[in-house]
Amino acid sequence: MIVVTGAAGFIGSYLVGKLNKAGYNDLVLVDRMDDPRKILNLEKKKYKRFVERDNLFKWLIRNARYVDFIFHLGARTDTVGQEPQLYQQLNLIYSQRLWNICSEIQVPLLYASSAATYGNGEEGFSDSHNNISNLRPLNLYGWSKHDFDIWALKQFRTPPFWAGLKFFNVYGPNEYHKGRMASVVLHAFERIKETGKMKLFRSHHNDYKDGEQSRDFIYVEDIADVMMFFMENQKNLGIYNVGTGKARSFLDLTKSVFKSMNLNPDISFIDTPVDLRGRYQYFTEAENQKLRDIGYTKSFTELEEGVDRYVGEYLLEEACY
């Protein structure tokens, strides 16, 4: 039996679909159904049971002997929220409790960390355990993920296998419910569909021209593939970057959306909101050699291909995976 937390969310629901395609249907899905749009993410999925987020720990203790693996993807993912206690409770304390139970009942655990832990990138993007304590995130979300990474590395009592994956900028189907926190691909598609134009944030950094702010954009299919690799090859525990290793600009991404919609680009720039400027990442790029060194050989989806698939197969069709 496989447990997936955050199972009705963006990455969680996509993973559930991938597990189903691979023949895994003995699934227990965990989430809080606080948005009716999440229901669509689970509409065609096969699973044995749904457990409310707050009931997971009791359920796990009662059913420990049946559980083979846990994917912990549930979290508060808002990067602009200003509620420290909420981030601490949902992203740190909840994860610590799950880790301790997995250690007690000896169940392997994979959890989602984030590239937000790298802050402005001044310490680089190495996933070496020796580098992690030097990182300084720019927002409460990043700090909550970072604090758990640090805590996990200090534990002597651990699950029989564990991995923390630092996801970079993920885009793809099943993120309709995410609102402001959805990928730029979704925002661009919706704005272009409505107005035929797209506005990007102007650069407020001397080293970057407008639109040249760059991120390591990774298609959700690649994220799911990496997670399944760790489940099926439980050998090299630790914290790993999961990104393409190739930063691309917001201009590149937006032009790809226009092309996928068969439209000519019409892009202008607006000031980045003042409340975001001090917490804005101008560049992210995963160092992913550590992942390659343990045997992950699949190539990552090129930005243009991923955007074209997302737009053509899902957004234009208003479909979920």
Protein backbone atom coordinates (compact mmCIF):
# COMPACT_ATOMS: atom_id res chain seq x y z
CA MET A 1 0.00 0.00 0.00
CA ILE A 2 1.29 3.46 -0.94
CA VAL A 3 0.26 6.63 0.89
CA VAL A 4 0.30 10.01 -0.85
CA THR A 5 -0.25 13.21 1.15
CA GLY A 6 -1.33 16.33 -0.71
CA ALA A 7 -2.90 13.84 -3.11
CA ALA A 8 -5.59 16.17 -4.44
CA GLY A 9 -3.10 18.95 -5.15
CA PHE A 10 -1.04 19.72 -8.23
CA ILE A 11 1.97 17.41 -7.97
CA GLY A 12 0.24 14.86 -5.73
CA SER A 13 -2.65 14.20 -8.09
CA TYR A 14 -0.31 13.94 -11.06
CA LEU A 15 1.78 11.39 -9.16
CA VAL A 16 -1.35 9.39 -8.35
CA GLY A 17 -2.17 9.27 -12.07
CA LYS A 18 1.36 8.10 -12.88
CA LEU A 19 1.17 5.42 -10.19
CA ASN A 20 -2.13 4.21 -11.62
CA LYS A 21 -0.61 3.99 -15.11
CA ALA A 22 2.24 1.92 -13.68
CA GLY A 23 -0.27 -0.49 -12.11
CA TYR A 24 -0.28 0.86 -8.56
CA ASN A 25 -3.92 1.10 -7.44
CA ASP A 26 -3.55 0.11 -3.78
CA LEU A 27 -3.27 3.76 -2.78
CA VAL A 28 -4.34 5.77 0.24
CA LEU A 29 -4.82 9.44 -0.58
CA VAL A 30 -4.46 12.09 2.09
CA ASP A 31 -5.51 15.72 1.79
CA ARG A 32 -7.85 18.41 2.97
CA MET A 33 -10.60 19.01 0.43
CA ASP A 34 -10.85 22.75 0.98
CA ASP A 35 -11.30 23.66 -2.70
CA PRO A 36 -13.95 22.09 -4.96
CA ARG A 37 -11.56 22.36 -7.92
CA LYS A 38 -9.37 19.71 -6.30
CA ILE A 39 -12.14 17.16 -6.79
CA LEU A 40 -11.47 17.22 -10.54
CA ASN A 41 -7.85 16.21 -9.91
CA LEU A 42 -9.01 12.90 -8.43
CA GLU A 43 -11.98 12.27 -10.70
CA LYS A 44 -10.41 9.48 -12.78
CA LYS A 45 -7.94 8.16 -10.23
CA LYS A 46 -7.99 4.68 -8.73
CA TYR A 47 -7.38 4.33 -4.99
CA LYS A 48 -8.54 2.32 -1.98
CA ARG A 49 -9.17 5.01 0.60
CA PHE A 50 -9.20 8.76 1.20
CA VAL A 51 -8.01 10.00 4.61
CA GLU A 52 -8.46 13.56 5.85
CA ARG A 53 -5.16 15.30 6.57
CA ASP A 54 -5.78 15.66 10.30
CA ASN A 55 -6.63 11.96 10.67
CA LEU A 56 -3.49 10.59 9.01
CA PHE A 57 -1.41 9.86 12.10
CA LYS A 58 -4.07 7.79 13.84
CA TRP A 59 -4.80 5.94 10.62
CA LEU A 60 -1.09 5.19 10.07
CA ILE A 61 -0.57 3.73 13.52
CA ARG A 62 -3.60 1.46 13.10
CA ASN A 63 -2.62 0.34 9.60
CA ALA A 64 1.18 0.38 9.77
CA ARG A 65 1.62 -3.24 8.71
CA TYR A 66 -0.06 -2.59 5.37
CA VAL A 67 1.94 0.50 4.34
CA ASP A 68 4.91 0.05 1.99
CA PHE A 69 5.84 3.63 1.11
CA ILE A 70 4.79 7.23 1.83
CA PHE A 71 5.03 10.22 -0.50
CA HIS A 72 4.67 13.36 1.61
CA LEU A 73 3.69 16.16 -0.78
CA GLY A 74 1.15 18.01 1.36
CA ALA A 75 2.19 21.50 2.44
CA ARG A 76 1.22 25.13 2.57
CA THR A 77 2.87 26.34 -0.64
CA ASP A 78 1.98 30.05 -0.68
CA THR A 79 5.30 31.91 -1.09
CA VAL A 80 3.89 35.30 -0.04
CA GLY A 81 1.94 34.28 3.08
CA GLN A 82 2.63 36.08 6.36
CA GLU A 83 1.42 33.52 8.90
CA PRO A 84 4.52 32.00 10.53
CA GLN A 85 2.58 29.75 12.90
CA LEU A 86 0.64 28.22 10.02
CA TYR A 87 3.80 27.42 8.05
CA GLN A 88 5.43 25.99 11.15
CA GLN A 89 2.43 23.81 11.94
CA LEU A 90 1.74 22.47 8.43
CA ASN A 91 5.21 22.34 6.87
CA LEU A 92 7.50 21.68 9.81
CA ILE A 93 5.69 20.13 12.78
CA TYR A 94 3.36 17.98 10.64
CA SER A 95 6.36 16.68 8.66
CA GLN A 96 8.32 15.98 11.86
CA ARG A 97 5.42 13.96 13.27
CA LEU A 98 5.15 11.98 10.04
CA TRP A 99 8.92 11.34 10.02
CA ASN A 100 8.82 10.09 13.62
CA ILE A 101 5.94 7.73 12.92
CA CYS A 102 7.67 6.39 9.79
CA SER A 103 10.77 5.82 11.92
CA GLU A 104 8.72 3.96 14.51
CA ILE A 105 6.79 1.75 12.11
CA GLN A 106 9.75 1.47 9.67
CA VAL A 107 8.10 2.75 6.52
CA PRO A 108 10.12 4.51 3.77
CA LEU A 109 9.39 8.22 3.34
CA LEU A 110 9.89 10.62 0.43
CA TYR A 111 9.06 14.27 1.09
CA ALA A 112 8.91 17.43 -0.99
CA SER A 113 11.37 20.18 -0.24
CA SER A 114 11.76 23.20 -2.52
CA ALA A 115 14.16 25.37 -4.50
CA ALA A 116 12.73 28.23 -2.44
CA THR A 117 15.24 27.12 0.21
CA TYR A 118 18.05 28.56 -1.95
CA GLY A 119 16.89 32.14 -1.46
CA ASN A 120 18.65 34.59 -3.77
CA GLY A 121 21.18 31.96 -4.79
CA GLU A 122 24.19 33.62 -3.21
CA GLU A 123 25.26 30.24 -1.76
CA GLY A 124 24.78 28.52 -5.11
CA PHE A 125 22.41 25.66 -5.88
CA SER A 126 24.35 22.66 -4.65
CA ASP A 127 22.37 19.90 -2.93
CA SER A 128 25.43 18.76 -0.99
CA HIS A 129 24.45 18.17 2.62
CA ASN A 130 27.45 20.30 3.61
CA ASN A 131 25.95 23.31 1.83
CA ILE A 132 22.39 23.14 3.10
CA SER A 133 22.94 24.83 6.47
CA ASN A 134 24.34 27.91 4.67
CA LEU A 135 21.14 28.64 2.76
CA ARG A 136 18.97 31.67 3.50
CA PRO A 137 15.44 31.51 2.04
CA LEU A 138 13.52 34.68 1.15
CA ASN A 139 10.06 33.81 2.47
CA LEU A 140 8.24 31.87 5.17
CA TYR A 141 7.46 28.99 2.84
CA GLY A 142 11.13 28.59 1.95
CA TRP A 143 12.16 28.79 5.59
CA SER A 144 9.64 26.13 6.64
CA LYS A 145 10.99 23.73 4.03
CA HIS A 146 14.58 24.61 4.89
CA ASP A 147 14.00 24.10 8.61
CA PHE A 148 12.69 20.60 7.97
CA ASP A 149 15.66 19.73 5.72
CA ILE A 150 18.04 20.82 8.49
CA TRP A 151 16.07 18.90 11.10
CA ALA A 152 15.97 15.73 8.96
CA LEU A 153 19.73 15.72 8.46
CA LYS A 154 20.26 15.83 12.23
CA GLN A 155 18.11 12.81 13.04
CA PHE A 156 19.62 9.55 14.25
CA ARG A 157 16.23 7.84 14.31
CA THR A 158 15.07 7.66 10.71
CA PRO A 159 12.77 5.76 8.37
CA PRO A 160 14.44 2.73 6.74
CA PHE A 161 14.77 4.86 3.62
CA TRP A 162 14.13 8.57 3.16
CA ALA A 163 14.66 11.21 0.50
CA GLY A 164 13.93 14.93 0.43
CA LEU A 165 13.49 16.36 -3.06
CA LYS A 166 14.07 20.05 -3.74
CA PHE A 167 11.59 20.72 -6.53
CA PHE A 168 12.44 23.68 -8.75
CA ASN A 169 9.78 25.61 -10.73
CA VAL A 170 7.18 22.98 -11.59
CA TYR A 171 4.51 23.52 -14.24
CA GLY A 172 1.90 21.27 -15.79
CA PRO A 173 -1.71 20.03 -15.51
CA ASN A 174 -3.80 19.87 -12.33
CA GLU A 175 -2.80 23.27 -10.93
CA TYR A 176 -6.07 25.06 -11.70
CA HIS A 177 -6.86 25.46 -8.00
CA LYS A 178 -3.58 27.17 -7.08
CA GLY A 179 -4.63 30.72 -7.95
CA ARG A 180 -1.80 33.20 -7.50
CA MET A 181 0.65 30.37 -6.80
CA ALA A 182 0.03 28.59 -10.12
CA SER A 183 2.85 28.47 -12.66
CA VAL A 184 3.56 31.34 -15.04
CA VAL A 185 2.47 29.04 -17.87
CA LEU A 186 -1.09 28.89 -16.54
CA HIS A 187 -1.19 32.63 -15.78
CA ALA A 188 0.18 33.47 -19.22
CA PHE A 189 -2.31 31.17 -20.95
CA GLU A 190 -5.27 32.68 -19.12
CA ARG A 191 -4.15 36.27 -19.73
CA ILE A 192 -3.36 35.67 -23.40
CA LYS A 193 -6.65 33.87 -23.94
CA GLU A 194 -8.52 36.83 -22.44
CA THR A 195 -6.55 39.78 -23.88
CA GLY A 196 -4.14 38.47 -26.50
CA LYS A 197 -1.30 40.01 -24.47
CA MET A 198 0.93 39.18 -21.51
CA LYS A 199 2.55 41.41 -18.91
CA LEU A 200 5.70 40.27 -17.11
CA PHE A 201 7.43 41.75 -14.08
CA ARG A 202 10.01 44.38 -14.87
CA SER A 203 13.49 43.68 -13.51
CA HIS A 204 14.57 45.65 -10.44
CA HIS A 205 18.04 44.13 -10.48
CA ASN A 206 20.92 45.70 -12.41
CA ASP A 207 22.21 42.34 -13.60
CA TYR A 208 18.98 41.32 -15.34
CA LYS A 209 17.09 42.92 -18.21
CA ASP A 210 13.29 42.97 -18.19
CA GLY A 211 12.00 39.45 -18.80
CA GLU A 212 15.43 37.88 -18.45
CA GLN A 213 14.77 36.77 -14.89
CA SER A 214 15.36 33.03 -15.13
CA ARG A 215 14.20 29.90 -13.38
CA ASP A 216 14.74 26.20 -13.72
CA PHE A 217 11.31 25.30 -15.10
CA ILE A 218 10.54 21.58 -14.87
CA TYR A 219 7.53 19.73 -16.27
CA VAL A 220 5.48 17.85 -13.67
CA GLU A 221 5.90 14.58 -15.62
CA ASP A 222 9.63 14.72 -14.88
CA ILE A 223 8.96 15.33 -11.18
CA ALA A 224 6.70 12.26 -11.04
CA ASP A 225 9.29 10.14 -12.86
CA VAL A 226 11.98 11.08 -10.33
CA MET A 227 9.72 10.31 -7.37
CA MET A 228 8.88 6.88 -8.75
CA PHE A 229 12.58 6.23 -9.36
CA PHE A 230 13.26 6.78 -5.65
CA MET A 231 10.37 4.53 -4.62
CA GLU A 232 11.60 1.73 -6.87
CA ASN A 233 15.31 2.18 -6.01
CA GLN A 234 15.51 2.73 -2.26
CA LYS A 235 19.29 2.91 -1.99
CA ASN A 236 20.66 6.43 -1.72
CA LEU A 237 18.93 8.35 1.04
CA GLY A 238 19.37 12.10 1.44
CA ILE A 239 18.37 15.42 -0.08
CA TYR A 240 18.39 15.91 -3.85
CA ASN A 241 17.70 18.70 -6.32
CA VAL A 242 15.04 17.93 -8.90
CA GLY A 243 15.39 20.39 -11.75
CA THR A 244 16.48 20.30 -15.37
CA GLY A 245 19.83 21.94 -14.65
CA LYS A 246 19.07 24.56 -17.30
CA ALA A 247 17.65 27.96 -16.35
CA ARG A 248 15.33 29.63 -18.88
CA SER A 249 13.97 33.16 -18.92
CA PHE A 250 10.38 34.23 -18.38
CA LEU A 251 10.53 35.68 -21.89
CA ASP A 252 11.39 32.23 -23.27
CA LEU A 253 8.53 30.68 -21.37
CA THR A 254 5.98 33.31 -22.38
CA LYS A 255 6.96 33.17 -26.05
CA SER A 256 6.49 29.41 -25.89
CA VAL A 257 2.94 29.87 -24.59
CA PHE A 258 2.11 32.27 -27.42
CA LYS A 259 3.54 29.81 -29.96
CA SER A 260 1.55 26.92 -28.49
CA MET A 261 -1.60 29.04 -28.88
CA ASN A 262 -0.65 29.91 -32.49
CA LEU A 263 -0.38 33.62 -31.67
CA ASN A 264 2.31 36.22 -32.20
CA PRO A 265 3.95 37.40 -28.93
CA ASP A 266 2.66 40.66 -27.45
CA ILE A 267 4.61 41.15 -24.21
CA SER A 268 4.96 44.24 -22.00
CA PHE A 269 6.34 44.86 -18.52
CA ILE A 270 4.97 46.12 -15.20
CA ASP A 271 6.71 46.87 -11.91
CA THR A 272 7.13 43.97 -9.54
CA PRO A 273 4.86 44.59 -6.52
CA VAL A 274 6.81 46.21 -3.72
CA ASP A 275 5.87 43.47 -1.24
CA LEU A 276 7.52 40.88 -3.50
CA ARG A 277 10.76 42.61 -4.41
CA GLY A 278 12.75 41.58 -1.36
CA ARG A 279 11.56 37.98 -1.68
CA TYR A 280 11.95 37.52 -5.43
CA GLN A 281 14.32 34.96 -6.93
CA TYR A 282 15.94 36.31 -10.09
CA PHE A 283 17.74 33.09 -10.96
CA THR A 284 17.45 29.41 -10.06
CA GLU A 285 19.23 26.50 -11.68
CA ALA A 286 19.49 23.05 -10.18
CA GLU A 287 22.78 21.28 -9.83
CA ASN A 288 21.51 17.78 -10.55
CA GLN A 289 24.69 15.74 -10.87
CA LYS A 290 24.01 14.14 -7.50
CA LEU A 291 20.77 12.70 -8.93
CA ARG A 292 22.58 11.48 -12.03
CA ASP A 293 25.31 9.88 -9.93
CA ILE A 294 22.84 7.53 -8.24
CA GLY A 295 21.59 6.22 -11.57
CA TYR A 296 18.77 8.49 -12.76
CA THR A 297 19.25 8.54 -16.53
CA LYS A 298 16.03 9.91 -18.04
CA SER A 299 16.35 13.19 -19.90
CA PHE A 300 14.29 16.17 -18.77
CA THR A 301 11.59 17.72 -20.93
CA GLU A 302 12.70 20.80 -22.87
CA LEU A 303 10.74 23.92 -21.96
CA GLU A 304 9.18 24.35 -25.40
CA GLU A 305 8.04 20.72 -25.50
CA GLY A 306 6.61 20.82 -21.98
CA VAL A 307 4.72 24.07 -22.57
CA ASP A 308 3.35 22.77 -25.86
CA ARG A 309 2.11 19.58 -24.20
CA TYR A 310 0.60 21.46 -21.27
CA VAL A 311 -1.18 24.00 -23.45
CA GLY A 312 -2.26 21.65 -26.23
CA GLU A 313 -3.29 18.60 -24.22
CA TYR A 314 -4.67 20.23 -21.08
CA LEU A 315 -5.22 24.00 -21.02
CA LEU A 316 -6.91 24.30 -24.43
CA GLU A 317 -8.99 21.25 -23.56
CA GLU A 318 -9.69 22.42 -19.97
CA ALA A 319 -8.58 18.94 -18.92
CA CYS A 320 -6.87 17.36 -15.92
CA TYR A 321 -4.33 14.57 -15.96
